[in-house]
Amino acid sequence: PLQSTEIIGESPAMQEVFRAIGRLSQSHITVLINGESGTGKEVVSEMFAKALGNRVPFLKVNCGAITPTLLESELFGHVKGAFTGAIADKRGLFESASGGWLFLDEVATLSAPAQVALLRALENQEIMRVGSTKPIQIQTRIITATNESLENLVAQGKFRADLWQRLREAEIMLPPLRDRTDEIKPLIDHFCTTMTGGPY
């Protein structure tokens, strides 16, 4: 069966994940990776990057690791004087990834203003640097990941329904290991081989 060197999995669910990565890496639609913590969402994003090779840019950012005030500047860039410390114009990740892919991890943590800006980027393929009124055209494809239910956050009014719909044009659901217990032994063998050079 098809196998990944990054994620061990021979179950039908994981084989479908591997097939989806190959198929969606050649597409132009947004991809949402769902799964509990530890199921391998970032590894899946790295598999996307390897499938693309060096043909196009592939950048990533952990939205939960950057304060909301700085995240918009990181994603969309800023112009000189937009805020204290903005001593020069700066390109954001959306501009830098134009023509390729941008992976947004922990997308559920985005602030309301960042959600609006992201929706505009997806709908119009344009962004505006913080402090600017001049739109910049981009051609950036998006992969997002979350271990929270965006559907629940939408119901609670904490995440935009229209943005959620745009992010989930295609979804990859990573099953937890407890739902594929037959893969525990292959995982143990893999880790033992990696750490000791031989099987368990």
C-alpha atoms as a PDB file:
ATOM      1  CA  PRO A   1       0.000   0.000   0.000  1.00  0.00           C
ATOM      2  CA  LEU A   2       0.927   3.606  -0.396  1.00  0.00           C
ATOM      3  CA  GLN A   3       3.119   4.636   2.508  1.00  0.00           C
ATOM      4  CA  SER A   4       4.499   7.885   3.828  1.00  0.00           C
ATOM      5  CA  THR A   5       7.917   8.109   5.439  1.00  0.00           C
ATOM      6  CA  GLU A   6       6.586  10.864   7.696  1.00  0.00           C
ATOM      7  CA  ILE A   7       3.266   9.376   8.825  1.00  0.00           C
ATOM      8  CA  ILE A   8       2.935   5.653   9.429  1.00  0.00           C
ATOM      9  CA  GLY A   9      -0.468   4.378   8.393  1.00  0.00           C
ATOM     10  CA  GLU A  10      -1.825   1.476   6.383  1.00  0.00           C
ATOM     11  CA  SER A  11      -5.446   1.888   7.458  1.00  0.00           C
ATOM     12  CA  PRO A  12      -7.992   2.901   4.794  1.00  0.00           C
ATOM     13  CA  ALA A  13      -8.438   6.276   6.525  1.00  0.00           C
ATOM     14  CA  MET A  14      -4.722   7.086   6.379  1.00  0.00           C
ATOM     15  CA  GLN A  15      -4.368   5.802   2.827  1.00  0.00           C
ATOM     16  CA  GLU A  16      -7.105   8.229   1.830  1.00  0.00           C
ATOM     17  CA  VAL A  17      -5.162  11.026   3.556  1.00  0.00           C
ATOM     18  CA  PHE A  18      -2.074  10.194   1.490  1.00  0.00           C
ATOM     19  CA  ARG A  19      -4.078  10.124  -1.743  1.00  0.00           C
ATOM     20  CA  ALA A  20      -5.720  13.446  -0.860  1.00  0.00           C
ATOM     21  CA  ILE A  21      -2.336  15.095  -0.321  1.00  0.00           C
ATOM     22  CA  GLY A  22      -1.159  14.093  -3.790  1.00  0.00           C
ATOM     23  CA  ARG A  23      -4.425  15.159  -5.396  1.00  0.00           C
ATOM     24  CA  LEU A  24      -4.894  18.475  -3.593  1.00  0.00           C
ATOM     25  CA  SER A  25      -1.279  19.600  -3.923  1.00  0.00           C
ATOM     26  CA  GLN A  26      -1.998  20.009  -7.639  1.00  0.00           C
ATOM     27  CA  SER A  27      -5.234  21.929  -7.093  1.00  0.00           C
ATOM     28  CA  HIS A  28      -6.109  25.584  -6.595  1.00  0.00           C
ATOM     29  CA  ILE A  29      -8.622  25.156  -3.764  1.00  0.00           C
ATOM     30  CA  THR A  30      -8.209  25.859  -0.071  1.00  0.00           C
ATOM     31  CA  VAL A  31      -7.504  22.891   2.190  1.00  0.00           C
ATOM     32  CA  LEU A  32      -8.523  22.565   5.844  1.00  0.00           C
ATOM     33  CA  ILE A  33      -6.709  19.952   7.947  1.00  0.00           C
ATOM     34  CA  ASN A  34      -8.724  18.814  10.966  1.00  0.00           C
ATOM     35  CA  GLY A  35      -7.470  16.651  13.794  1.00  0.00           C
ATOM     36  CA  GLU A  36      -6.738  16.449  17.477  1.00  0.00           C
ATOM     37  CA  SER A  37      -3.394  17.590  18.868  1.00  0.00           C
ATOM     38  CA  GLY A  38      -0.700  15.074  17.982  1.00  0.00           C
ATOM     39  CA  THR A  39      -2.404  13.572  14.924  1.00  0.00           C
ATOM     40  CA  GLY A  40       0.157  15.052  12.524  1.00  0.00           C
ATOM     41  CA  LYS A  41      -1.374  18.188  11.002  1.00  0.00           C
ATOM     42  CA  GLU A  42       1.949  19.973  10.583  1.00  0.00           C
ATOM     43  CA  VAL A  43       3.510  16.812   9.142  1.00  0.00           C
ATOM     44  CA  VAL A  44       0.721  16.701   6.556  1.00  0.00           C
ATOM     45  CA  SER A  45       1.547  20.283   5.603  1.00  0.00           C
ATOM     46  CA  GLU A  46       5.198  19.274   5.153  1.00  0.00           C
ATOM     47  CA  MET A  47       4.076  16.425   2.903  1.00  0.00           C
ATOM     48  CA  PHE A  48       2.242  19.008   0.786  1.00  0.00           C
ATOM     49  CA  ALA A  49       5.477  20.987   0.554  1.00  0.00           C
ATOM     50  CA  LYS A  50       7.429  17.897  -0.552  1.00  0.00           C
ATOM     51  CA  ALA A  51       4.788  17.050  -3.138  1.00  0.00           C
ATOM     52  CA  LEU A  52       5.243  20.530  -4.601  1.00  0.00           C
ATOM     53  CA  GLY A  53       9.029  20.315  -4.603  1.00  0.00           C
ATOM     54  CA  ASN A  54      10.880  23.530  -5.316  1.00  0.00           C
ATOM     55  CA  ARG A  55       8.538  24.645  -8.081  1.00  0.00           C
ATOM     56  CA  VAL A  56       6.572  27.148  -5.975  1.00  0.00           C
ATOM     57  CA  PRO A  57       6.931  28.874  -2.591  1.00  0.00           C
ATOM     58  CA  PHE A  58       5.584  27.113   0.500  1.00  0.00           C
ATOM     59  CA  LEU A  59       5.536  29.226   3.672  1.00  0.00           C
ATOM     60  CA  LYS A  60       3.968  28.554   7.047  1.00  0.00           C
ATOM     61  CA  VAL A  61       3.048  30.404  10.210  1.00  0.00           C
ATOM     62  CA  ASN A  62       1.579  29.381  13.562  1.00  0.00           C
ATOM     63  CA  CYS A  63      -1.233  31.887  14.090  1.00  0.00           C
ATOM     64  CA  GLY A  64      -1.471  31.036  17.786  1.00  0.00           C
ATOM     65  CA  ALA A  65       2.186  31.829  18.448  1.00  0.00           C
ATOM     66  CA  ILE A  66       2.000  35.495  17.383  1.00  0.00           C
ATOM     67  CA  THR A  67       0.087  38.231  19.182  1.00  0.00           C
ATOM     68  CA  PRO A  68      -3.009  39.443  17.278  1.00  0.00           C
ATOM     69  CA  THR A  69      -1.544  42.919  16.828  1.00  0.00           C
ATOM     70  CA  LEU A  70       1.567  41.557  15.120  1.00  0.00           C
ATOM     71  CA  LEU A  71      -0.090  38.719  13.213  1.00  0.00           C
ATOM     72  CA  GLU A  72      -1.799  40.973  10.665  1.00  0.00           C
ATOM     73  CA  SER A  73       1.543  42.603   9.905  1.00  0.00           C
ATOM     74  CA  GLU A  74       3.166  39.166   9.595  1.00  0.00           C
ATOM     75  CA  LEU A  75       0.480  37.928   7.202  1.00  0.00           C
ATOM     76  CA  PHE A  76      -0.228  41.036   5.139  1.00  0.00           C
ATOM     77  CA  GLY A  77       2.814  43.245   5.668  1.00  0.00           C
ATOM     78  CA  HIS A  78       2.834  46.911   6.677  1.00  0.00           C
ATOM     79  CA  VAL A  79       3.893  50.298   5.436  1.00  0.00           C
ATOM     80  CA  LYS A  80       6.404  52.587   7.060  1.00  0.00           C
ATOM     81  CA  GLY A  81       4.860  54.445  10.004  1.00  0.00           C
ATOM     82  CA  ALA A  82       1.842  52.138  10.317  1.00  0.00           C
ATOM     83  CA  PHE A  83       2.667  51.613  13.997  1.00  0.00           C
ATOM     84  CA  THR A  84       5.477  52.192  16.445  1.00  0.00           C
ATOM     85  CA  GLY A  85       8.507  50.320  15.203  1.00  0.00           C
ATOM     86  CA  ALA A  86       7.391  50.184  11.563  1.00  0.00           C
ATOM     87  CA  ILE A  87      10.504  51.902  10.256  1.00  0.00           C
ATOM     88  CA  ALA A  88      10.191  50.610   6.688  1.00  0.00           C
ATOM     89  CA  ASP A  89       7.712  48.942   4.352  1.00  0.00           C
ATOM     90  CA  LYS A  90       7.502  45.183   4.866  1.00  0.00           C
ATOM     91  CA  ARG A  91       6.157  42.408   2.669  1.00  0.00           C
ATOM     92  CA  GLY A  92       3.868  39.954   4.402  1.00  0.00           C
ATOM     93  CA  LEU A  93       3.709  36.193   4.050  1.00  0.00           C
ATOM     94  CA  PHE A  94       0.811  36.394   1.580  1.00  0.00           C
ATOM     95  CA  GLU A  95       2.930  38.446  -0.812  1.00  0.00           C
ATOM     96  CA  SER A  96       6.000  36.286  -0.296  1.00  0.00           C
ATOM     97  CA  ALA A  97       4.000  33.105  -0.953  1.00  0.00           C
ATOM     98  CA  SER A  98       2.247  34.467  -4.061  1.00  0.00           C
ATOM     99  CA  GLY A  99       2.337  31.842  -6.778  1.00  0.00           C
ATOM    100  CA  GLY A 100       2.551  29.108  -4.158  1.00  0.00           C
ATOM    101  CA  TRP A 101       1.066  28.006  -0.851  1.00  0.00           C
ATOM    102  CA  LEU A 102       0.745  29.456   2.649  1.00  0.00           C
ATOM    103  CA  PHE A 103       0.081  27.168   5.617  1.00  0.00           C
ATOM    104  CA  LEU A 104      -1.802  28.789   8.506  1.00  0.00           C
ATOM    105  CA  ASP A 105      -1.609  26.589  11.606  1.00  0.00           C
ATOM    106  CA  GLU A 106      -4.015  27.147  14.528  1.00  0.00           C
ATOM    107  CA  VAL A 107      -6.289  29.199  12.283  1.00  0.00           C
ATOM    108  CA  ALA A 108      -9.017  29.121  14.961  1.00  0.00           C
ATOM    109  CA  THR A 109      -7.019  31.671  16.975  1.00  0.00           C
ATOM    110  CA  LEU A 110      -7.336  34.437  14.360  1.00  0.00           C
ATOM    111  CA  SER A 111      -8.750  37.710  15.674  1.00  0.00           C
ATOM    112  CA  ALA A 112     -11.913  39.161  14.146  1.00  0.00           C
ATOM    113  CA  PRO A 113      -9.996  41.778  12.066  1.00  0.00           C
ATOM    114  CA  ALA A 114      -7.579  39.112  10.819  1.00  0.00           C
ATOM    115  CA  GLN A 115     -10.523  36.922   9.814  1.00  0.00           C
ATOM    116  CA  VAL A 116     -11.956  39.786   7.743  1.00  0.00           C
ATOM    117  CA  ALA A 117      -8.593  40.401   6.060  1.00  0.00           C
ATOM    118  CA  LEU A 118      -8.124  36.690   5.355  1.00  0.00           C
ATOM    119  CA  LEU A 119     -11.596  36.434   3.836  1.00  0.00           C
ATOM    120  CA  ARG A 120     -10.839  39.385   1.552  1.00  0.00           C
ATOM    121  CA  ALA A 121      -7.582  37.744   0.494  1.00  0.00           C
ATOM    122  CA  LEU A 122      -9.384  34.513  -0.372  1.00  0.00           C
ATOM    123  CA  GLU A 123     -12.340  36.118  -2.146  1.00  0.00           C
ATOM    124  CA  ASN A 124     -10.508  38.786  -4.123  1.00  0.00           C
ATOM    125  CA  GLN A 125      -6.940  37.466  -4.194  1.00  0.00           C
ATOM    126  CA  GLU A 126      -5.746  40.786  -2.847  1.00  0.00           C
ATOM    127  CA  ILE A 127      -4.373  42.061   0.418  1.00  0.00           C
ATOM    128  CA  MET A 128      -3.647  45.444   1.942  1.00  0.00           C
ATOM    129  CA  ARG A 129      -0.609  46.059   4.055  1.00  0.00           C
ATOM    130  CA  VAL A 130      -1.337  47.375   7.542  1.00  0.00           C
ATOM    131  CA  GLY A 131      -1.553  51.160   7.351  1.00  0.00           C
ATOM    132  CA  SER A 132      -2.104  51.211   3.580  1.00  0.00           C
ATOM    133  CA  THR A 133      -5.202  51.758   1.462  1.00  0.00           C
ATOM    134  CA  LYS A 134      -3.617  50.360  -1.709  1.00  0.00           C
ATOM    135  CA  PRO A 135      -4.643  46.765  -2.556  1.00  0.00           C
ATOM    136  CA  ILE A 136      -1.972  44.349  -3.735  1.00  0.00           C
ATOM    137  CA  GLN A 137      -2.898  41.475  -6.025  1.00  0.00           C
ATOM    138  CA  ILE A 138      -1.696  38.031  -5.001  1.00  0.00           C
ATOM    139  CA  GLN A 139      -2.038  34.441  -6.197  1.00  0.00           C
ATOM    140  CA  THR A 140      -1.663  32.507  -2.970  1.00  0.00           C
ATOM    141  CA  ARG A 141      -3.245  29.155  -2.158  1.00  0.00           C
ATOM    142  CA  ILE A 142      -4.085  28.390   1.450  1.00  0.00           C
ATOM    143  CA  ILE A 143      -3.790  25.386   3.719  1.00  0.00           C
ATOM    144  CA  THR A 144      -5.109  25.805   7.256  1.00  0.00           C
ATOM    145  CA  ALA A 145      -5.115  23.518  10.273  1.00  0.00           C
ATOM    146  CA  THR A 146      -6.944  23.464  13.579  1.00  0.00           C
ATOM    147  CA  ASN A 147      -7.525  21.116  16.506  1.00  0.00           C
ATOM    148  CA  GLU A 148     -10.690  23.025  17.400  1.00  0.00           C
ATOM    149  CA  SER A 149     -14.085  22.645  15.794  1.00  0.00           C
ATOM    150  CA  LEU A 150     -14.583  25.672  13.565  1.00  0.00           C
ATOM    151  CA  GLU A 151     -18.220  24.660  13.260  1.00  0.00           C
ATOM    152  CA  ASN A 152     -18.632  25.043  17.033  1.00  0.00           C
ATOM    153  CA  LEU A 153     -16.780  28.362  17.011  1.00  0.00           C
ATOM    154  CA  VAL A 154     -19.074  29.613  14.246  1.00  0.00           C
ATOM    155  CA  ALA A 155     -22.106  28.612  16.335  1.00  0.00           C
ATOM    156  CA  GLN A 156     -20.628  30.530  19.288  1.00  0.00           C
ATOM    157  CA  GLY A 157     -20.056  33.634  17.143  1.00  0.00           C
ATOM    158  CA  LYS A 158     -16.265  33.390  17.526  1.00  0.00           C
ATOM    159  CA  PHE A 159     -15.461  32.552  13.908  1.00  0.00           C
ATOM    160  CA  ARG A 160     -16.962  33.878  10.688  1.00  0.00           C
ATOM    161  CA  ALA A 161     -19.277  31.430   8.921  1.00  0.00           C
ATOM    162  CA  ASP A 162     -18.346  32.777   5.464  1.00  0.00           C
ATOM    163  CA  LEU A 163     -14.636  32.363   6.199  1.00  0.00           C
ATOM    164  CA  TRP A 164     -15.183  28.822   7.495  1.00  0.00           C
ATOM    165  CA  GLN A 165     -16.945  27.942   4.240  1.00  0.00           C
ATOM    166  CA  ARG A 166     -14.072  29.358   2.180  1.00  0.00           C
ATOM    167  CA  LEU A 167     -11.451  27.474   4.187  1.00  0.00           C
ATOM    168  CA  ARG A 168     -13.138  24.092   3.814  1.00  0.00           C
ATOM    169  CA  GLU A 169     -13.335  23.774   0.031  1.00  0.00           C
ATOM    170  CA  ALA A 170     -11.470  20.533   0.720  1.00  0.00           C
ATOM    171  CA  GLU A 171     -11.007  18.900   4.116  1.00  0.00           C
ATOM    172  CA  ILE A 172      -8.554  16.334   5.402  1.00  0.00           C
ATOM    173  CA  MET A 173      -9.554  14.644   8.645  1.00  0.00           C
ATOM    174  CA  LEU A 174      -6.714  12.995  10.560  1.00  0.00           C
ATOM    175  CA  PRO A 175      -8.012  10.146  12.714  1.00  0.00           C
ATOM    176  CA  PRO A 176      -6.555   9.735  16.225  1.00  0.00           C
ATOM    177  CA  LEU A 177      -4.474   6.654  16.936  1.00  0.00           C
ATOM    178  CA  ARG A 178      -7.187   5.224  19.210  1.00  0.00           C
ATOM    179  CA  ASP A 179      -9.325   4.797  16.090  1.00  0.00           C
ATOM    180  CA  ARG A 180      -6.606   2.820  14.284  1.00  0.00           C
ATOM    181  CA  THR A 181      -5.114   0.625  16.993  1.00  0.00           C
ATOM    182  CA  ASP A 182      -3.910  -1.922  14.423  1.00  0.00           C
ATOM    183  CA  GLU A 183      -1.189   0.582  13.535  1.00  0.00           C
ATOM    184  CA  ILE A 184       0.350   0.756  17.024  1.00  0.00           C
ATOM    185  CA  LYS A 185       2.763  -2.129  16.336  1.00  0.00           C
ATOM    186  CA  PRO A 186       4.032  -0.663  13.019  1.00  0.00           C
ATOM    187  CA  LEU A 187       4.516   2.666  14.800  1.00  0.00           C
ATOM    188  CA  ILE A 188       6.537   1.019  17.588  1.00  0.00           C
ATOM    189  CA  ASP A 189       8.689  -0.778  15.015  1.00  0.00           C
ATOM    190  CA  HIS A 190       9.233   2.473  13.115  1.00  0.00           C
ATOM    191  CA  PHE A 191      10.298   4.431  16.196  1.00  0.00           C
ATOM    192  CA  CYS A 192      12.572   1.636  17.419  1.00  0.00           C
ATOM    193  CA  THR A 193      14.208   1.381  14.004  1.00  0.00           C
ATOM    194  CA  THR A 194      14.644   5.147  13.865  1.00  0.00           C
ATOM    195  CA  MET A 195      16.179   5.349  17.354  1.00  0.00           C
ATOM    196  CA  THR A 196      18.220   2.146  17.507  1.00  0.00           C
ATOM    197  CA  GLY A 197      18.718   1.095  13.914  1.00  0.00           C
ATOM    198  CA  GLY A 198      16.766  -2.133  14.336  1.00  0.00           C
ATOM    199  CA  PRO A 199      13.200  -3.391  14.844  1.00  0.00           C
ATOM    200  CA  TYR A 200      11.602  -3.894  18.220  1.00  0.00           C
END
